Amino acid sequence: LRWREVVWSEQGMTPLGMERTLVGWWNVPFFQSDHASRAARAALRFGYLLRDEFGIADFHAVLDCRAAIFGSIGIGSCREEHLQTNDEEDALVLQEFASENGVRVLMTTSFRNDLGSGFLVRLIDRLPLGRDRFKADVYELVGPVSEIVEDDLVRVRLYEEALSLYGQEDYSGAKEKLLRLLDRFPDDAPARRLLTRCEN
């Protein structure tokens, strides 16, 4: 019920008949120019609600521009050109990645492109998605720009620099960046995960 309240407050819709998953859709059946922002706000608000009112910290949401069903929390801002035959497979990949890497709100590139500049995001990794399983960028939703502090910017910069070095196979350089990040932000789960990859 609380999930529906959050979705409806952002003028989204909650499909019927989905008892084991929480899903919200925007931009259907009517066009919403700010559908991505609405979905992003709903994901953040519901995460805060679970944490503050129910003490639930293990929350993961996936933001995508397709009408897919996601493992525990799914939010879709639908655009017909993004509908694909393997949506459910992508959904499982995204949800599993978010859970394993401690990303509270994960988004695809298509969603990121629709979101605009009102939110700070962090490039997290590249995952095999789509019909051809090409690797595509996925991002973490950090928060609205109006709520961002200097520490958030530092954390995003250090992680993205480390990820770039990792992609260039400069594992020692990436490790140095990640150790600096974790010294300042020890609870950064994606950074810990990437550090493990560097060490292996």
C-alpha atoms as a PDB file:
ATOM      1  CA  LEU A   1       0.000   0.000   0.000  1.00  0.00           C
ATOM      2  CA  ARG A   2       2.790   2.449   0.857  1.00  0.00           C
ATOM      3  CA  TRP A   3       4.485   1.708  -2.463  1.00  0.00           C
ATOM      4  CA  ARG A   4       1.302   2.605  -4.309  1.00  0.00           C
ATOM      5  CA  GLU A   5       1.043   5.858  -2.371  1.00  0.00           C
ATOM      6  CA  VAL A   6       4.579   6.813  -3.395  1.00  0.00           C
ATOM      7  CA  VAL A   7       3.997   5.948  -7.060  1.00  0.00           C
ATOM      8  CA  TRP A   8       0.636   7.687  -7.216  1.00  0.00           C
ATOM      9  CA  SER A   9       2.081  10.808  -5.566  1.00  0.00           C
ATOM     10  CA  GLU A  10       4.364  11.075  -8.609  1.00  0.00           C
ATOM     11  CA  GLN A  11       1.446  10.404 -10.978  1.00  0.00           C
ATOM     12  CA  GLY A  12       2.638   6.919 -11.866  1.00  0.00           C
ATOM     13  CA  MET A  13       0.635   3.725 -12.134  1.00  0.00           C
ATOM     14  CA  THR A  14       0.951   0.375 -10.350  1.00  0.00           C
ATOM     15  CA  PRO A  15      -0.025  -2.631 -12.494  1.00  0.00           C
ATOM     16  CA  LEU A  16      -2.510  -5.114 -11.059  1.00  0.00           C
ATOM     17  CA  GLY A  17      -1.826  -8.814 -10.621  1.00  0.00           C
ATOM     18  CA  MET A  18       1.801  -8.501  -9.519  1.00  0.00           C
ATOM     19  CA  GLU A  19       1.857  -9.877  -5.998  1.00  0.00           C
ATOM     20  CA  ARG A  20       5.529 -10.775  -5.647  1.00  0.00           C
ATOM     21  CA  THR A  21       7.050  -7.620  -7.034  1.00  0.00           C
ATOM     22  CA  LEU A  22       6.639  -3.879  -6.672  1.00  0.00           C
ATOM     23  CA  VAL A  23       6.376  -2.126  -9.995  1.00  0.00           C
ATOM     24  CA  GLY A  24       5.641   1.440 -10.981  1.00  0.00           C
ATOM     25  CA  TRP A  25       5.209   2.745 -14.521  1.00  0.00           C
ATOM     26  CA  TRP A  26       5.250   6.269 -15.859  1.00  0.00           C
ATOM     27  CA  ASN A  27       4.583   7.808 -19.276  1.00  0.00           C
ATOM     28  CA  VAL A  28       1.716   5.356 -19.828  1.00  0.00           C
ATOM     29  CA  PRO A  29      -1.022   5.559 -20.891  1.00  0.00           C
ATOM     30  CA  PHE A  30      -0.430   9.307 -21.214  1.00  0.00           C
ATOM     31  CA  PHE A  31       2.738  11.161 -22.186  1.00  0.00           C
ATOM     32  CA  GLN A  32       4.763  12.695 -19.319  1.00  0.00           C
ATOM     33  CA  SER A  33       7.695  14.849 -20.382  1.00  0.00           C
ATOM     34  CA  ASP A  34       9.277  14.427 -16.926  1.00  0.00           C
ATOM     35  CA  HIS A  35       8.553  10.711 -16.519  1.00  0.00           C
ATOM     36  CA  ALA A  36      12.159   9.838 -15.617  1.00  0.00           C
ATOM     37  CA  SER A  37      12.355  12.470 -12.878  1.00  0.00           C
ATOM     38  CA  ARG A  38       9.079  11.243 -11.407  1.00  0.00           C
ATOM     39  CA  ALA A  39      10.293   7.635 -11.355  1.00  0.00           C
ATOM     40  CA  ALA A  40      13.632   8.647  -9.821  1.00  0.00           C
ATOM     41  CA  ARG A  41      11.962  10.630  -7.050  1.00  0.00           C
ATOM     42  CA  ALA A  42       9.646   7.710  -6.291  1.00  0.00           C
ATOM     43  CA  ALA A  43      12.556   5.260  -6.017  1.00  0.00           C
ATOM     44  CA  LEU A  44      14.453   7.534  -3.645  1.00  0.00           C
ATOM     45  CA  ARG A  45      11.386   8.310  -1.525  1.00  0.00           C
ATOM     46  CA  PHE A  46      10.445   4.664  -1.136  1.00  0.00           C
ATOM     47  CA  GLY A  47      13.993   3.778  -0.134  1.00  0.00           C
ATOM     48  CA  TYR A  48      13.973   6.488   2.525  1.00  0.00           C
ATOM     49  CA  LEU A  49      10.554   5.311   3.741  1.00  0.00           C
ATOM     50  CA  LEU A  50      11.723   1.717   4.143  1.00  0.00           C
ATOM     51  CA  ARG A  51      14.850   2.832   5.982  1.00  0.00           C
ATOM     52  CA  ASP A  52      13.330   5.467   8.260  1.00  0.00           C
ATOM     53  CA  GLU A  53       9.928   3.950   9.084  1.00  0.00           C
ATOM     54  CA  PHE A  54      10.588   0.220   8.891  1.00  0.00           C
ATOM     55  CA  GLY A  55      14.344  -0.104   9.457  1.00  0.00           C
ATOM     56  CA  ILE A  56      14.832  -1.906   6.132  1.00  0.00           C
ATOM     57  CA  ALA A  57      18.188  -1.038   4.611  1.00  0.00           C
ATOM     58  CA  ASP A  58      18.435  -3.809   2.007  1.00  0.00           C
ATOM     59  CA  PHE A  59      16.514  -2.017  -0.742  1.00  0.00           C
ATOM     60  CA  HIS A  60      17.374  -2.082  -4.427  1.00  0.00           C
ATOM     61  CA  ALA A  61      15.486  -0.487  -7.300  1.00  0.00           C
ATOM     62  CA  VAL A  62      16.025  -0.626 -11.036  1.00  0.00           C
ATOM     63  CA  LEU A  63      15.089   2.280 -13.293  1.00  0.00           C
ATOM     64  CA  ASP A  64      14.604   1.548 -16.968  1.00  0.00           C
ATOM     65  CA  CYS A  65      12.710   2.929 -19.946  1.00  0.00           C
ATOM     66  CA  ARG A  66      10.999  -0.344 -20.717  1.00  0.00           C
ATOM     67  CA  ALA A  67       7.929  -2.035 -19.320  1.00  0.00           C
ATOM     68  CA  ALA A  68       9.836  -4.867 -17.670  1.00  0.00           C
ATOM     69  CA  ILE A  69       9.212  -6.752 -14.456  1.00  0.00           C
ATOM     70  CA  PHE A  70      12.046  -6.469 -11.980  1.00  0.00           C
ATOM     71  CA  GLY A  71      13.006  -8.835  -9.186  1.00  0.00           C
ATOM     72  CA  SER A  72      11.984  -6.916  -6.075  1.00  0.00           C
ATOM     73  CA  ILE A  73      11.437  -3.331  -7.118  1.00  0.00           C
ATOM     74  CA  GLY A  74      10.920  -2.225 -10.683  1.00  0.00           C
ATOM     75  CA  ILE A  75      10.279   1.188 -12.104  1.00  0.00           C
ATOM     76  CA  GLY A  76       9.664   1.647 -15.787  1.00  0.00           C
ATOM     77  CA  SER A  77       9.241   4.810 -17.779  1.00  0.00           C
ATOM     78  CA  CYS A  78       7.838   3.302 -20.922  1.00  0.00           C
ATOM     79  CA  ARG A  79       8.869   4.252 -24.419  1.00  0.00           C
ATOM     80  CA  GLU A  80       7.757   1.973 -27.221  1.00  0.00           C
ATOM     81  CA  GLU A  81      11.082   2.093 -29.047  1.00  0.00           C
ATOM     82  CA  HIS A  82      12.803   0.539 -26.007  1.00  0.00           C
ATOM     83  CA  LEU A  83      10.555  -2.514 -25.716  1.00  0.00           C
ATOM     84  CA  GLN A  84      12.551  -5.666 -26.385  1.00  0.00           C
ATOM     85  CA  THR A  85      11.925  -9.396 -26.366  1.00  0.00           C
ATOM     86  CA  ASN A  86      14.475 -10.055 -23.624  1.00  0.00           C
ATOM     87  CA  ASP A  87      13.238  -7.501 -21.067  1.00  0.00           C
ATOM     88  CA  GLU A  88      12.809 -10.111 -18.337  1.00  0.00           C
ATOM     89  CA  GLU A  89      16.341 -11.438 -18.843  1.00  0.00           C
ATOM     90  CA  ASP A  90      17.755  -7.923 -18.646  1.00  0.00           C
ATOM     91  CA  ALA A  91      15.658  -7.286 -15.559  1.00  0.00           C
ATOM     92  CA  LEU A  92      17.202 -10.239 -13.756  1.00  0.00           C
ATOM     93  CA  VAL A  93      20.735  -9.146 -14.728  1.00  0.00           C
ATOM     94  CA  LEU A  94      20.104  -5.613 -13.478  1.00  0.00           C
ATOM     95  CA  GLN A  95      18.429  -6.662 -10.241  1.00  0.00           C
ATOM     96  CA  GLU A  96      21.139  -9.202  -9.424  1.00  0.00           C
ATOM     97  CA  PHE A  97      23.865  -6.652 -10.121  1.00  0.00           C
ATOM     98  CA  ALA A  98      22.202  -4.008  -7.932  1.00  0.00           C
ATOM     99  CA  SER A  99      21.863  -6.459  -5.052  1.00  0.00           C
ATOM    100  CA  GLU A 100      25.380  -7.913  -5.311  1.00  0.00           C
ATOM    101  CA  ASN A 101      27.045  -4.511  -5.631  1.00  0.00           C
ATOM    102  CA  GLY A 102      25.042  -2.665  -2.996  1.00  0.00           C
ATOM    103  CA  VAL A 103      23.540  -0.177  -5.454  1.00  0.00           C
ATOM    104  CA  ARG A 104      20.315   1.153  -3.978  1.00  0.00           C
ATOM    105  CA  VAL A 105      18.981   2.673  -7.202  1.00  0.00           C
ATOM    106  CA  LEU A 106      20.429   1.403 -10.483  1.00  0.00           C
ATOM    107  CA  MET A 107      19.532   2.843 -13.881  1.00  0.00           C
ATOM    108  CA  THR A 108      20.152   1.985 -17.495  1.00  0.00           C
ATOM    109  CA  THR A 109      21.654   4.308 -20.098  1.00  0.00           C
ATOM    110  CA  SER A 110      18.271   4.907 -21.729  1.00  0.00           C
ATOM    111  CA  PHE A 111      16.837   6.038 -18.408  1.00  0.00           C
ATOM    112  CA  ARG A 112      19.907   8.174 -17.703  1.00  0.00           C
ATOM    113  CA  ASN A 113      19.467   9.926 -21.041  1.00  0.00           C
ATOM    114  CA  ASP A 114      15.864  10.776 -20.195  1.00  0.00           C
ATOM    115  CA  LEU A 115      16.620  11.903 -16.642  1.00  0.00           C
ATOM    116  CA  GLY A 116      18.278  15.197 -17.501  1.00  0.00           C
ATOM    117  CA  SER A 117      20.492  17.273 -15.243  1.00  0.00           C
ATOM    118  CA  GLY A 118      18.376  17.474 -12.092  1.00  0.00           C
ATOM    119  CA  PHE A 119      20.026  14.441 -10.468  1.00  0.00           C
ATOM    120  CA  LEU A 120      23.584  13.343  -9.731  1.00  0.00           C
ATOM    121  CA  VAL A 121      24.401   9.891 -11.075  1.00  0.00           C
ATOM    122  CA  ARG A 122      27.509   7.721 -10.901  1.00  0.00           C
ATOM    123  CA  LEU A 123      28.690   5.431 -13.681  1.00  0.00           C
ATOM    124  CA  ILE A 124      28.942   2.044 -11.949  1.00  0.00           C
ATOM    125  CA  ASP A 125      29.862  -0.540 -14.582  1.00  0.00           C
ATOM    126  CA  ARG A 126      29.043  -2.040 -17.978  1.00  0.00           C
ATOM    127  CA  LEU A 127      26.651  -4.981 -18.278  1.00  0.00           C
ATOM    128  CA  PRO A 128      25.647  -7.238 -21.188  1.00  0.00           C
ATOM    129  CA  LEU A 129      22.116  -6.110 -22.070  1.00  0.00           C
ATOM    130  CA  GLY A 130      19.774  -6.103 -25.035  1.00  0.00           C
ATOM    131  CA  ARG A 131      19.166  -8.596 -27.807  1.00  0.00           C
ATOM    132  CA  ASP A 132      22.841  -8.783 -28.766  1.00  0.00           C
ATOM    133  CA  ARG A 133      24.124  -8.724 -25.163  1.00  0.00           C
ATOM    134  CA  PHE A 134      26.427  -5.805 -25.892  1.00  0.00           C
ATOM    135  CA  LYS A 135      27.896  -4.204 -22.792  1.00  0.00           C
ATOM    136  CA  ALA A 136      26.014  -1.075 -21.814  1.00  0.00           C
ATOM    137  CA  ASP A 137      26.711   1.528 -19.127  1.00  0.00           C
ATOM    138  CA  VAL A 138      24.666   1.331 -15.928  1.00  0.00           C
ATOM    139  CA  TYR A 139      24.490   4.108 -13.353  1.00  0.00           C
ATOM    140  CA  GLU A 140      23.736   4.647  -9.689  1.00  0.00           C
ATOM    141  CA  LEU A 141      21.236   7.341  -8.777  1.00  0.00           C
ATOM    142  CA  VAL A 142      22.964   9.369  -6.046  1.00  0.00           C
ATOM    143  CA  GLY A 143      20.276  11.987  -5.468  1.00  0.00           C
ATOM    144  CA  PRO A 144      18.728  15.268  -6.553  1.00  0.00           C
ATOM    145  CA  VAL A 145      21.269  17.975  -7.363  1.00  0.00           C
ATOM    146  CA  SER A 146      19.598  20.224  -4.783  1.00  0.00           C
ATOM    147  CA  GLU A 147      20.582  17.779  -2.010  1.00  0.00           C
ATOM    148  CA  ILE A 148      24.121  16.986  -3.175  1.00  0.00           C
ATOM    149  CA  VAL A 149      27.073  17.947  -0.953  1.00  0.00           C
ATOM    150  CA  GLU A 150      30.797  18.132  -1.718  1.00  0.00           C
ATOM    151  CA  ASP A 151      31.406  14.624  -0.349  1.00  0.00           C
ATOM    152  CA  ASP A 152      29.005  13.193  -2.947  1.00  0.00           C
ATOM    153  CA  LEU A 153      30.941  14.839  -5.766  1.00  0.00           C
ATOM    154  CA  VAL A 154      34.277  13.556  -4.425  1.00  0.00           C
ATOM    155  CA  ARG A 155      32.919  10.016  -4.083  1.00  0.00           C
ATOM    156  CA  VAL A 156      31.556  10.013  -7.630  1.00  0.00           C
ATOM    157  CA  ARG A 157      34.781  11.434  -9.094  1.00  0.00           C
ATOM    158  CA  LEU A 158      37.095   8.961  -7.348  1.00  0.00           C
ATOM    159  CA  TYR A 159      34.964   5.977  -8.272  1.00  0.00           C
ATOM    160  CA  GLU A 160      34.592   6.945 -11.931  1.00  0.00           C
ATOM    161  CA  GLU A 161      38.348   7.588 -12.177  1.00  0.00           C
ATOM    162  CA  ALA A 162      38.992   4.146 -10.659  1.00  0.00           C
ATOM    163  CA  LEU A 163      36.508   2.503 -13.029  1.00  0.00           C
ATOM    164  CA  SER A 164      38.193   4.152 -16.019  1.00  0.00           C
ATOM    165  CA  LEU A 165      41.609   2.890 -14.886  1.00  0.00           C
ATOM    166  CA  TYR A 166      40.159  -0.574 -14.326  1.00  0.00           C
ATOM    167  CA  GLY A 167      38.816  -0.557 -17.881  1.00  0.00           C
ATOM    168  CA  GLN A 168      42.331   0.293 -19.100  1.00  0.00           C
ATOM    169  CA  GLU A 169      43.653  -2.689 -17.086  1.00  0.00           C
ATOM    170  CA  ASP A 170      45.601  -0.330 -14.825  1.00  0.00           C
ATOM    171  CA  TYR A 171      44.610  -2.275 -11.733  1.00  0.00           C
ATOM    172  CA  SER A 172      47.192  -0.725  -9.423  1.00  0.00           C
ATOM    173  CA  GLY A 173      46.050   2.775 -10.378  1.00  0.00           C
ATOM    174  CA  ALA A 174      42.419   1.827  -9.896  1.00  0.00           C
ATOM    175  CA  LYS A 175      43.229   0.252  -6.539  1.00  0.00           C
ATOM    176  CA  GLU A 176      44.949   3.435  -5.374  1.00  0.00           C
ATOM    177  CA  LYS A 177      41.866   5.511  -6.215  1.00  0.00           C
ATOM    178  CA  LEU A 178      39.543   3.034  -4.532  1.00  0.00           C
ATOM    179  CA  LEU A 179      41.613   2.916  -1.354  1.00  0.00           C
ATOM    180  CA  ARG A 180      41.477   6.714  -1.182  1.00  0.00           C
ATOM    181  CA  LEU A 181      37.714   6.570  -1.683  1.00  0.00           C
ATOM    182  CA  LEU A 182      37.167   3.875   0.941  1.00  0.00           C
ATOM    183  CA  ASP A 183      39.406   5.644   3.446  1.00  0.00           C
ATOM    184  CA  ARG A 184      36.974   8.547   3.270  1.00  0.00           C
ATOM    185  CA  PHE A 185      33.751   6.615   2.572  1.00  0.00           C
ATOM    186  CA  PRO A 186      34.182   3.120   4.097  1.00  0.00           C
ATOM    187  CA  ASP A 187      30.544   2.128   3.503  1.00  0.00           C
ATOM    188  CA  ASP A 188      30.707   2.524  -0.282  1.00  0.00           C
ATOM    189  CA  ALA A 189      29.688  -0.987  -1.367  1.00  0.00           C
ATOM    190  CA  PRO A 190      30.324  -0.604  -5.140  1.00  0.00           C
ATOM    191  CA  ALA A 191      33.861   0.637  -4.400  1.00  0.00           C
ATOM    192  CA  ARG A 192      34.559  -2.363  -2.168  1.00  0.00           C
ATOM    193  CA  ARG A 193      33.286  -4.663  -4.890  1.00  0.00           C
ATOM    194  CA  LEU A 194      35.464  -3.050  -7.559  1.00  0.00           C
ATOM    195  CA  LEU A 195      38.484  -3.190  -5.256  1.00  0.00           C
ATOM    196  CA  THR A 196      37.986  -6.943  -4.914  1.00  0.00           C
ATOM    197  CA  ARG A 197      37.969  -7.263  -8.687  1.00  0.00           C
ATOM    198  CA  CYS A 198      41.211  -5.278  -8.891  1.00  0.00           C
ATOM    199  CA  GLU A 199      42.883  -7.560  -6.368  1.00  0.00           C
ATOM    200  CA  ASN A 200      41.787 -10.720  -8.133  1.00  0.00           C
END
